[in-house]
C-alpha atoms as a PDB file:
ATOM      1  CA  MET A   1       0.000   0.000   0.000  1.00  0.00           C
ATOM      2  CA  SER A   2       1.245   3.492  -0.813  1.00  0.00           C
ATOM      3  CA  GLU A   3       1.512   6.157   1.856  1.00  0.00           C
ATOM      4  CA  ARG A   4      -0.414   9.393   1.369  1.00  0.00           C
ATOM      5  CA  THR A   5       1.360  12.627   2.153  1.00  0.00           C
ATOM      6  CA  GLN A   6      -0.563  15.824   2.748  1.00  0.00           C
ATOM      7  CA  ILE A   7       0.911  18.969   1.254  1.00  0.00           C
ATOM      8  CA  ASN A   8      -0.484  22.379   2.165  1.00  0.00           C
ATOM      9  CA  PHE A   9      -0.077  25.188  -0.323  1.00  0.00           C
ATOM     10  CA  THR A  10      -1.452  28.605  -1.243  1.00  0.00           C
ATOM     11  CA  ILE A  11      -2.673  29.424  -4.748  1.00  0.00           C
ATOM     12  CA  VAL A  12      -1.618  32.871  -6.005  1.00  0.00           C
ATOM     13  CA  PRO A  13      -2.044  34.581  -9.389  1.00  0.00           C
ATOM     14  CA  ASP A  14       0.884  34.283 -11.782  1.00  0.00           C
ATOM     15  CA  GLU A  15       1.768  37.969 -12.151  1.00  0.00           C
ATOM     16  CA  GLU A  16       4.207  37.144 -14.947  1.00  0.00           C
ATOM     17  CA  SER A  17       1.273  36.148 -17.140  1.00  0.00           C
ATOM     18  CA  ASP A  18       0.748  38.272 -20.256  1.00  0.00           C
ATOM     19  CA  GLU A  19      -3.029  38.291 -19.689  1.00  0.00           C
ATOM     20  CA  PRO A  20      -4.279  41.895 -19.978  1.00  0.00           C
ATOM     21  CA  ARG A  21      -6.564  43.478 -17.400  1.00  0.00           C
ATOM     22  CA  THR A  22     -10.173  43.858 -18.421  1.00  0.00           C
ATOM     23  CA  TYR A  23     -12.336  46.719 -17.160  1.00  0.00           C
ATOM     24  CA  ALA A  24     -16.010  46.144 -16.346  1.00  0.00           C
ATOM     25  CA  ASN A  25     -18.492  48.331 -14.504  1.00  0.00           C
ATOM     26  CA  PHE A  26     -21.565  46.095 -14.717  1.00  0.00           C
ATOM     27  CA  CYS A  27     -22.121  42.451 -13.795  1.00  0.00           C
ATOM     28  CA  SER A  28     -25.118  40.337 -14.713  1.00  0.00           C
ATOM     29  CA  ILE A  29     -25.559  37.141 -12.691  1.00  0.00           C
ATOM     30  CA  SER A  30     -27.450  33.986 -13.597  1.00  0.00           C
ATOM     31  CA  HIS A  31     -27.380  30.485 -12.155  1.00  0.00           C
ATOM     32  CA  THR A  32     -28.253  26.852 -12.643  1.00  0.00           C
ATOM     33  CA  PRO A  33     -28.558  24.298  -9.844  1.00  0.00           C
ATOM     34  CA  PHE A  34     -24.834  23.598 -10.387  1.00  0.00           C
ATOM     35  CA  ASP A  35     -23.079  26.905 -11.070  1.00  0.00           C
ATOM     36  CA  PHE A  36     -23.218  30.692 -11.263  1.00  0.00           C
ATOM     37  CA  THR A  37     -22.430  32.666 -14.410  1.00  0.00           C
ATOM     38  CA  LEU A  38     -21.004  36.152 -13.920  1.00  0.00           C
ATOM     39  CA  THR A  39     -21.181  38.223 -17.104  1.00  0.00           C
ATOM     40  CA  PHE A  40     -19.037  41.348 -16.860  1.00  0.00           C
ATOM     41  CA  CYS A  41     -19.822  44.254 -19.205  1.00  0.00           C
ATOM     42  CA  GLU A  42     -18.469  47.719 -19.834  1.00  0.00           C
ATOM     43  CA  VAL A  43     -21.219  50.338 -19.851  1.00  0.00           C
ATOM     44  CA  LEU A  44     -20.105  53.472 -21.668  1.00  0.00           C
ATOM     45  CA  PRO A  45     -22.029  56.708 -22.095  1.00  0.00           C
ATOM     46  CA  PRO A  46     -24.511  55.876 -24.865  1.00  0.00           C
ATOM     47  CA  THR A  47     -24.475  57.503 -28.271  1.00  0.00           C
ATOM     48  CA  GLU A  48     -27.519  59.469 -29.430  1.00  0.00           C
ATOM     49  CA  LYS A  49     -28.474  56.526 -31.662  1.00  0.00           C
ATOM     50  CA  ALA A  50     -28.209  54.096 -28.718  1.00  0.00           C
ATOM     51  CA  VAL A  51     -30.391  56.388 -26.567  1.00  0.00           C
ATOM     52  CA  ARG A  52     -33.104  56.437 -29.251  1.00  0.00           C
ATOM     53  CA  ALA A  53     -32.968  52.648 -29.586  1.00  0.00           C
ATOM     54  CA  ALA A  54     -33.040  52.199 -25.802  1.00  0.00           C
ATOM     55  CA  ALA A  55     -36.042  54.519 -25.518  1.00  0.00           C
ATOM     56  CA  ALA A  56     -37.939  52.384 -28.020  1.00  0.00           C
ATOM     57  CA  GLU A  57     -36.822  48.937 -26.842  1.00  0.00           C
ATOM     58  CA  ARG A  58     -36.231  49.739 -23.154  1.00  0.00           C
ATOM     59  CA  VAL A  59     -32.891  47.917 -23.485  1.00  0.00           C
ATOM     60  CA  LEU A  60     -29.357  49.295 -23.610  1.00  0.00           C
ATOM     61  CA  LYS A  61     -26.830  46.723 -24.757  1.00  0.00           C
ATOM     62  CA  ALA A  62     -23.370  46.719 -23.196  1.00  0.00           C
ATOM     63  CA  PRO A  63     -20.364  44.871 -24.631  1.00  0.00           C
ATOM     64  CA  VAL A  64     -19.465  41.695 -22.737  1.00  0.00           C
ATOM     65  CA  ARG A  65     -15.870  41.838 -21.500  1.00  0.00           C
ATOM     66  CA  ALA A  66     -15.770  38.456 -19.710  1.00  0.00           C
ATOM     67  CA  ARG A  67     -18.100  35.618 -18.816  1.00  0.00           C
ATOM     68  CA  ILE A  68     -17.002  33.539 -15.830  1.00  0.00           C
ATOM     69  CA  VAL A  69     -18.736  30.333 -14.744  1.00  0.00           C
ATOM     70  CA  VAL A  70     -18.018  29.171 -11.189  1.00  0.00           C
ATOM     71  CA  PRO A  71     -19.254  26.094  -9.333  1.00  0.00           C
ATOM     72  CA  MET A  72     -21.911  26.578  -6.663  1.00  0.00           C
ATOM     73  CA  GLY A  73     -19.451  25.645  -3.876  1.00  0.00           C
ATOM     74  CA  PHE A  74     -17.124  28.496  -4.923  1.00  0.00           C
ATOM     75  CA  VAL A  75     -19.738  31.243  -4.421  1.00  0.00           C
ATOM     76  CA  PRO A  76     -19.730  31.493  -0.581  1.00  0.00           C
ATOM     77  CA  ASN A  77     -15.927  31.933  -0.570  1.00  0.00           C
ATOM     78  CA  LEU A  78     -16.190  34.574  -3.303  1.00  0.00           C
ATOM     79  CA  ILE A  79     -18.852  36.476  -1.342  1.00  0.00           C
ATOM     80  CA  ASN A  80     -16.773  36.333   1.849  1.00  0.00           C
ATOM     81  CA  ALA A  81     -13.634  37.523   0.046  1.00  0.00           C
ATOM     82  CA  LEU A  82     -15.503  40.422  -1.598  1.00  0.00           C
ATOM     83  CA  GLN A  83     -17.063  41.454   1.713  1.00  0.00           C
ATOM     84  CA  GLU A  84     -13.680  41.356   3.459  1.00  0.00           C
ATOM     85  CA  HIS A  85     -11.995  43.422   0.757  1.00  0.00           C
ATOM     86  CA  LEU A  86     -14.864  45.922   0.671  1.00  0.00           C
ATOM     87  CA  ARG A  87     -14.666  46.273   4.459  1.00  0.00           C
ATOM     88  CA  ALA A  88     -10.890  46.824   4.317  1.00  0.00           C
ATOM     89  CA  CYS A  89     -11.255  49.331   1.498  1.00  0.00           C
ATOM     90  CA  THR A  90     -13.997  51.362   3.169  1.00  0.00           C
ATOM     91  CA  GLU A  91     -12.132  51.359   6.507  1.00  0.00           C
ATOM     92  CA  SER A  92      -9.058  52.755   4.752  1.00  0.00           C
ATOM     93  CA  GLY A  93     -11.060  55.601   3.240  1.00  0.00           C
ATOM     94  CA  GLY A  94     -12.286  53.876   0.108  1.00  0.00           C
ATOM     95  CA  SER A  95     -12.438  55.731  -3.141  1.00  0.00           C
ATOM     96  CA  PRO A  96     -13.546  59.361  -3.478  1.00  0.00           C
ATOM     97  CA  GLY A  97     -17.263  59.548  -4.118  1.00  0.00           C
ATOM     98  CA  TRP A  98     -18.023  56.125  -2.649  1.00  0.00           C
ATOM     99  CA  ASN A  99     -21.186  55.788  -0.662  1.00  0.00           C
ATOM    100  CA  LYS A 100     -21.866  52.938   1.690  1.00  0.00           C
ATOM    101  CA  PRO A 101     -23.069  50.036  -0.485  1.00  0.00           C
ATOM    102  CA  SER A 102     -26.769  49.287  -0.388  1.00  0.00           C
ATOM    103  CA  VAL A 103     -28.403  45.912  -0.805  1.00  0.00           C
ATOM    104  CA  HIS A 104     -31.064  45.593  -3.510  1.00  0.00           C
END
């Protein structure tokens, strides 16, 4: 029989990666019984044409910058990490113009 050895490690991002940063200021969330899909979009000030179309259709389309699918078990850790970072950020003064987040 083979012996099992436990190895503890920490996962960190590979900062030497050439992957560019992607900016998003809107996130749409959907789910299945198995996973959550986070669709990140960049909402820019609309053109006059887009405003007219949005007035008629009641929809303003935003370009998708990334779509991330995460397993259901990952979501509680993500929520906890976001809450902790938001708390640390707001305690350190946050960003100018930030208001206390509200829950919708």
